[in-house]
Amino acid sequence: GKSQTKSILTPSSTLEVNFDMEQGSLVADGADLVFVYVKGGKDEVTLSLSGPWTIIGDGEDIEANPVEVDERTKIATFLVQTTTTPGKIVATAKSGGGTASASVTSPWWTRYTI
């Protein structure tokens, strides 16, 4: 599938941040959602965003951030949503002393172009 990934090796771990871009590009309409998968985390992963996006459930009582790493898949999963402001998002994951980031842009003009 289509994803954007950047991994950074740190002394304690290698984290990999992936945006699930199977649907194509995202629209800054306040409704588009994308999963962010973090591989290589230790126990739990904290995700921070810069740009016009929000983490669904962040700051609520549903424990959406930080997320425990799934014991079977070794992946932490986050759901993020666009706002009505187009722009670049940078997702930065931290876990066990390691850090990794990835970015993607949400244009406003079309939904199905990459």
N, C-alpha and C. Protein backbone atom coordinates (compact mmCIF):
# COMPACT_ATOMS: atom_id res chain seq x y z
N GLY A 1 0.82 -1.18 0.00
CA GLY A 1 0.00 0.00 0.00
C GLY A 1 0.86 1.24 0.00
N LYS A 2 0.22 2.36 -0.10
CA LYS A 2 0.91 3.63 -0.13
C LYS A 2 1.10 4.14 1.28
N SER A 3 2.31 4.51 1.62
CA SER A 3 2.57 5.09 2.92
C SER A 3 3.81 5.96 2.81
N GLN A 4 3.97 6.84 3.77
CA GLN A 4 5.17 7.66 3.84
C GLN A 4 5.85 7.31 5.15
N THR A 5 7.14 7.01 5.07
CA THR A 5 7.86 6.51 6.23
C THR A 5 9.21 7.18 6.35
N LYS A 6 9.61 7.43 7.58
CA LYS A 6 10.98 7.84 7.87
C LYS A 6 11.35 7.21 9.19
N SER A 7 12.45 6.53 9.23
CA SER A 7 12.92 5.91 10.47
C SER A 7 14.22 6.56 10.90
N ILE A 8 14.38 6.70 12.21
CA ILE A 8 15.60 7.27 12.77
C ILE A 8 16.14 6.28 13.78
N LEU A 9 17.37 5.86 13.61
CA LEU A 9 18.00 4.92 14.55
C LEU A 9 18.52 5.68 15.75
N THR A 10 18.13 5.22 16.92
CA THR A 10 18.64 5.79 18.16
C THR A 10 19.33 4.67 18.93
N PRO A 11 20.09 4.98 19.97
CA PRO A 11 20.80 3.93 20.69
C PRO A 11 19.89 2.86 21.27
N SER A 12 18.66 3.20 21.66
CA SER A 12 17.83 2.23 22.36
C SER A 12 16.83 1.50 21.47
N SER A 13 16.49 2.06 20.32
CA SER A 13 15.48 1.41 19.48
C SER A 13 15.43 2.03 18.11
N THR A 14 14.77 1.35 17.21
CA THR A 14 14.45 1.92 15.91
C THR A 14 12.94 2.01 15.83
N LEU A 15 12.43 3.21 15.68
CA LEU A 15 11.01 3.43 15.50
C LEU A 15 10.74 3.73 14.04
N GLU A 16 9.58 3.32 13.57
CA GLU A 16 9.17 3.59 12.20
C GLU A 16 7.75 4.14 12.25
N VAL A 17 7.54 5.31 11.65
CA VAL A 17 6.23 5.96 11.63
C VAL A 17 5.67 5.86 10.22
N ASN A 18 4.45 5.34 10.10
CA ASN A 18 3.80 5.17 8.80
C ASN A 18 2.42 5.81 8.80
N PHE A 19 2.11 6.56 7.75
CA PHE A 19 0.75 7.03 7.51
C PHE A 19 0.10 6.04 6.56
N ASP A 20 -1.09 5.54 6.88
CA ASP A 20 -1.82 4.63 6.00
C ASP A 20 -2.51 5.46 4.92
N MET A 21 -1.90 5.50 3.73
CA MET A 21 -2.40 6.33 2.65
C MET A 21 -3.11 5.53 1.56
N GLU A 22 -3.75 4.43 1.92
CA GLU A 22 -4.46 3.59 0.96
C GLU A 22 -5.53 4.37 0.20
N GLN A 23 -6.15 5.35 0.84
CA GLN A 23 -7.23 6.11 0.21
C GLN A 23 -6.73 7.16 -0.76
N GLY A 24 -5.45 7.36 -0.86
CA GLY A 24 -4.91 8.44 -1.69
C GLY A 24 -4.59 9.62 -0.80
N SER A 25 -4.66 10.82 -1.35
CA SER A 25 -4.34 11.99 -0.54
C SER A 25 -5.49 12.35 0.38
N LEU A 26 -5.21 13.22 1.30
CA LEU A 26 -6.20 13.65 2.29
C LEU A 26 -6.71 15.04 1.95
N VAL A 27 -7.91 15.34 2.39
CA VAL A 27 -8.51 16.65 2.16
C VAL A 27 -8.63 17.38 3.49
N ALA A 28 -8.31 18.65 3.50
CA ALA A 28 -8.43 19.46 4.70
C ALA A 28 -9.89 19.92 4.85
N ASP A 29 -10.75 18.95 5.15
CA ASP A 29 -12.18 19.25 5.27
C ASP A 29 -12.70 19.03 6.68
N GLY A 30 -11.81 18.69 7.60
CA GLY A 30 -12.22 18.44 8.98
C GLY A 30 -12.83 17.08 9.19
N ALA A 31 -12.88 16.26 8.14
CA ALA A 31 -13.51 14.95 8.24
C ALA A 31 -12.60 13.80 7.85
N ASP A 32 -11.56 14.05 7.06
CA ASP A 32 -10.68 12.96 6.63
C ASP A 32 -9.89 12.41 7.81
N LEU A 33 -9.75 11.09 7.82
CA LEU A 33 -9.04 10.38 8.87
C LEU A 33 -7.95 9.53 8.26
N VAL A 34 -6.89 9.32 9.01
CA VAL A 34 -5.83 8.43 8.58
C VAL A 34 -5.24 7.76 9.82
N PHE A 35 -4.91 6.48 9.67
CA PHE A 35 -4.23 5.78 10.75
C PHE A 35 -2.74 6.06 10.67
N VAL A 36 -2.13 6.24 11.82
CA VAL A 36 -0.68 6.36 11.93
C VAL A 36 -0.21 5.15 12.72
N TYR A 37 0.67 4.36 12.11
CA TYR A 37 1.21 3.15 12.74
C TYR A 37 2.65 3.40 13.14
N VAL A 38 2.99 3.00 14.36
CA VAL A 38 4.36 3.14 14.85
C VAL A 38 4.88 1.75 15.20
N LYS A 39 5.93 1.35 14.50
CA LYS A 39 6.57 0.05 14.73
C LYS A 39 7.84 0.26 15.54
N GLY A 40 8.18 -0.73 16.36
CA GLY A 40 9.45 -0.70 17.07
C GLY A 40 9.40 -0.06 18.43
N GLY A 41 8.20 0.24 18.92
CA GLY A 41 8.08 0.88 20.22
C GLY A 41 8.29 -0.09 21.37
N LYS A 42 8.64 0.46 22.52
CA LYS A 42 8.83 -0.32 23.74
C LYS A 42 7.68 -0.02 24.68
N ASP A 43 6.84 -0.99 24.96
CA ASP A 43 5.71 -0.89 25.89
C ASP A 43 4.63 0.08 25.44
N GLU A 44 4.94 1.40 25.39
CA GLU A 44 3.95 2.36 24.91
C GLU A 44 4.62 3.43 24.08
N VAL A 45 3.81 4.06 23.23
CA VAL A 45 4.30 5.08 22.30
C VAL A 45 3.48 6.34 22.51
N THR A 46 4.17 7.48 22.54
CA THR A 46 3.50 8.78 22.58
C THR A 46 3.68 9.44 21.23
N LEU A 47 2.57 9.97 20.68
CA LEU A 47 2.61 10.63 19.38
C LEU A 47 2.33 12.11 19.58
N SER A 48 3.14 12.95 18.94
CA SER A 48 2.86 14.38 18.93
C SER A 48 2.74 14.82 17.48
N LEU A 49 1.89 15.80 17.25
CA LEU A 49 1.64 16.31 15.90
C LEU A 49 1.99 17.78 15.83
N SER A 50 2.55 18.17 14.69
CA SER A 50 2.65 19.60 14.39
C SER A 50 1.95 19.79 13.06
N GLY A 51 1.19 20.85 12.97
CA GLY A 51 0.40 21.09 11.78
C GLY A 51 -1.09 21.02 12.09
N PRO A 52 -1.91 21.21 11.07
CA PRO A 52 -3.35 21.35 11.28
C PRO A 52 -4.09 20.01 11.37
N TRP A 53 -3.73 19.17 12.30
CA TRP A 53 -4.36 17.88 12.49
C TRP A 53 -4.59 17.64 13.97
N THR A 54 -5.45 16.68 14.30
CA THR A 54 -5.68 16.32 15.69
C THR A 54 -5.64 14.80 15.83
N ILE A 55 -5.26 14.34 17.01
CA ILE A 55 -5.32 12.91 17.33
C ILE A 55 -6.70 12.65 17.91
N ILE A 56 -7.44 11.74 17.31
CA ILE A 56 -8.77 11.40 17.80
C ILE A 56 -8.63 10.80 19.20
N GLY A 57 -9.35 11.37 20.15
CA GLY A 57 -9.34 10.85 21.52
C GLY A 57 -8.23 11.38 22.39
N ASP A 58 -7.32 12.20 21.87
CA ASP A 58 -6.23 12.73 22.67
C ASP A 58 -6.81 13.68 23.72
N GLY A 59 -6.38 13.51 24.96
CA GLY A 59 -6.87 14.36 26.03
C GLY A 59 -8.20 13.91 26.61
N GLU A 60 -8.76 12.83 26.07
CA GLU A 60 -10.02 12.30 26.55
C GLU A 60 -9.74 11.08 27.43
N ASP A 61 -10.78 10.53 28.00
CA ASP A 61 -10.63 9.38 28.90
C ASP A 61 -10.57 8.04 28.17
N ILE A 62 -10.26 8.05 26.88
CA ILE A 62 -10.22 6.78 26.14
C ILE A 62 -8.80 6.30 25.89
N GLU A 63 -7.83 6.96 26.50
CA GLU A 63 -6.43 6.55 26.43
C GLU A 63 -5.92 6.43 25.00
N ALA A 64 -6.13 7.50 24.21
CA ALA A 64 -5.69 7.50 22.82
C ALA A 64 -4.25 7.93 22.64
N ASN A 65 -3.61 8.44 23.68
CA ASN A 65 -2.24 8.89 23.58
C ASN A 65 -1.69 9.08 25.00
N PRO A 66 -0.69 8.36 25.44
CA PRO A 66 0.07 7.36 24.69
C PRO A 66 -0.73 6.07 24.49
N VAL A 67 -0.23 5.23 23.58
CA VAL A 67 -0.87 3.97 23.23
C VAL A 67 0.09 2.83 23.57
N GLU A 68 -0.46 1.77 24.15
CA GLU A 68 0.36 0.58 24.41
C GLU A 68 0.67 -0.12 23.09
N VAL A 69 1.87 -0.64 22.99
CA VAL A 69 2.27 -1.41 21.81
C VAL A 69 1.57 -2.76 21.85
N ASP A 70 0.95 -3.14 20.75
CA ASP A 70 0.27 -4.43 20.66
C ASP A 70 1.31 -5.54 20.79
N GLU A 71 1.09 -6.46 21.72
CA GLU A 71 2.08 -7.52 21.98
C GLU A 71 2.29 -8.43 20.78
N ARG A 72 1.23 -8.67 20.00
CA ARG A 72 1.32 -9.58 18.86
C ARG A 72 1.98 -8.92 17.65
N THR A 73 1.51 -7.71 17.28
CA THR A 73 1.99 -7.06 16.07
C THR A 73 3.19 -6.15 16.31
N LYS A 74 3.41 -5.78 17.57
CA LYS A 74 4.49 -4.84 17.95
C LYS A 74 4.27 -3.47 17.31
N ILE A 75 3.00 -3.07 17.13
CA ILE A 75 2.63 -1.80 16.51
C ILE A 75 1.72 -1.02 17.46
N ALA A 76 1.93 0.29 17.53
CA ALA A 76 1.02 1.20 18.22
C ALA A 76 0.24 1.94 17.15
N THR A 77 -1.08 2.04 17.31
CA THR A 77 -1.94 2.63 16.28
C THR A 77 -2.63 3.88 16.81
N PHE A 78 -2.57 4.94 16.02
CA PHE A 78 -3.23 6.20 16.33
C PHE A 78 -4.15 6.57 15.18
N LEU A 79 -5.24 7.27 15.47
CA LEU A 79 -6.15 7.77 14.45
C LEU A 79 -6.07 9.29 14.48
N VAL A 80 -5.71 9.89 13.34
CA VAL A 80 -5.62 11.35 13.27
C VAL A 80 -6.60 11.88 12.24
N GLN A 81 -7.01 13.13 12.44
CA GLN A 81 -8.05 13.75 11.61
C GLN A 81 -7.55 15.09 11.09
N THR A 82 -7.90 15.39 9.83
CA THR A 82 -7.58 16.70 9.28
C THR A 82 -8.44 17.76 9.95
N THR A 83 -8.02 19.01 9.81
CA THR A 83 -8.86 20.13 10.18
C THR A 83 -9.29 20.80 8.87
N THR A 84 -9.84 21.98 8.93
CA THR A 84 -10.24 22.68 7.71
C THR A 84 -9.12 23.56 7.16
N THR A 85 -7.93 23.45 7.75
CA THR A 85 -6.77 24.20 7.28
C THR A 85 -5.83 23.25 6.56
N PRO A 86 -5.56 23.48 5.26
CA PRO A 86 -4.62 22.61 4.56
C PRO A 86 -3.20 22.83 5.09
N GLY A 87 -2.38 21.80 4.97
CA GLY A 87 -0.99 21.95 5.38
C GLY A 87 -0.32 20.64 5.69
N LYS A 88 0.93 20.75 6.03
CA LYS A 88 1.78 19.61 6.33
C LYS A 88 1.63 19.20 7.78
N ILE A 89 1.57 17.90 8.01
CA ILE A 89 1.57 17.37 9.37
C ILE A 89 2.88 16.63 9.57
N VAL A 90 3.46 16.81 10.72
CA VAL A 90 4.61 16.02 11.12
C VAL A 90 4.20 15.24 12.36
N ALA A 91 4.24 13.93 12.26
CA ALA A 91 3.94 13.06 13.39
C ALA A 91 5.26 12.57 13.96
N THR A 92 5.46 12.81 15.24
CA THR A 92 6.68 12.39 15.93
C THR A 92 6.31 11.39 17.01
N ALA A 93 6.91 10.22 16.94
CA ALA A 93 6.66 9.16 17.92
C ALA A 93 7.85 9.05 18.85
N LYS A 94 7.54 8.81 20.14
CA LYS A 94 8.60 8.61 21.13
C LYS A 94 8.27 7.36 21.93
N SER A 95 9.30 6.54 22.15
CA SER A 95 9.13 5.32 22.94
C SER A 95 10.48 4.78 23.34
N GLY A 96 10.62 4.42 24.60
CA GLY A 96 11.84 3.76 25.08
C GLY A 96 13.11 4.51 24.77
N GLY A 97 13.08 5.82 24.75
CA GLY A 97 14.26 6.61 24.44
C GLY A 97 14.47 6.86 22.97
N GLY A 98 13.68 6.21 22.10
CA GLY A 98 13.80 6.41 20.66
C GLY A 98 12.80 7.42 20.15
N THR A 99 13.11 8.06 19.03
CA THR A 99 12.24 9.05 18.40
C THR A 99 12.28 8.86 16.90
N ALA A 100 11.11 8.99 16.25
CA ALA A 100 11.05 8.96 14.79
C ALA A 100 9.93 9.89 14.34
N SER A 101 10.06 10.43 13.13
CA SER A 101 9.06 11.34 12.59
C SER A 101 8.75 10.98 11.14
N ALA A 102 7.56 11.36 10.71
CA ALA A 102 7.17 11.24 9.31
C ALA A 102 6.21 12.38 9.03
N SER A 103 6.05 12.73 7.75
CA SER A 103 5.15 13.84 7.42
C SER A 103 4.32 13.51 6.20
N VAL A 104 3.19 14.21 6.09
CA VAL A 104 2.29 14.11 4.95
C VAL A 104 1.56 15.45 4.86
N THR A 105 1.08 15.81 3.67
CA THR A 105 0.40 17.09 3.47
C THR A 105 -1.05 16.86 3.09
N SER A 106 -1.95 17.68 3.64
CA SER A 106 -3.38 17.61 3.29
C SER A 106 -3.75 18.83 2.46
N PRO A 107 -3.85 18.68 1.13
CA PRO A 107 -4.31 19.79 0.30
C PRO A 107 -5.83 19.92 0.41
N TRP A 108 -6.35 21.01 -0.06
CA TRP A 108 -7.80 21.18 0.00
C TRP A 108 -8.47 20.89 -1.32
N TRP A 109 -7.73 20.78 -2.41
CA TRP A 109 -8.36 20.81 -3.72
C TRP A 109 -8.89 19.47 -4.24
N THR A 110 -8.29 18.38 -3.92
CA THR A 110 -8.79 17.12 -4.47
C THR A 110 -8.54 15.98 -3.52
N ARG A 111 -9.37 15.00 -3.59
CA ARG A 111 -9.31 13.89 -2.66
C ARG A 111 -8.49 12.72 -3.19
N TYR A 112 -8.41 12.52 -4.47
CA TYR A 112 -7.87 11.26 -4.97
C TYR A 112 -6.61 11.38 -5.79
N THR A 113 -5.79 12.39 -5.51
CA THR A 113 -4.49 12.48 -6.17
C THR A 113 -3.39 12.29 -5.15
N ILE A 114 -2.29 11.78 -5.61
CA ILE A 114 -1.15 11.55 -4.71
C ILE A 114 -0.08 12.58 -5.08
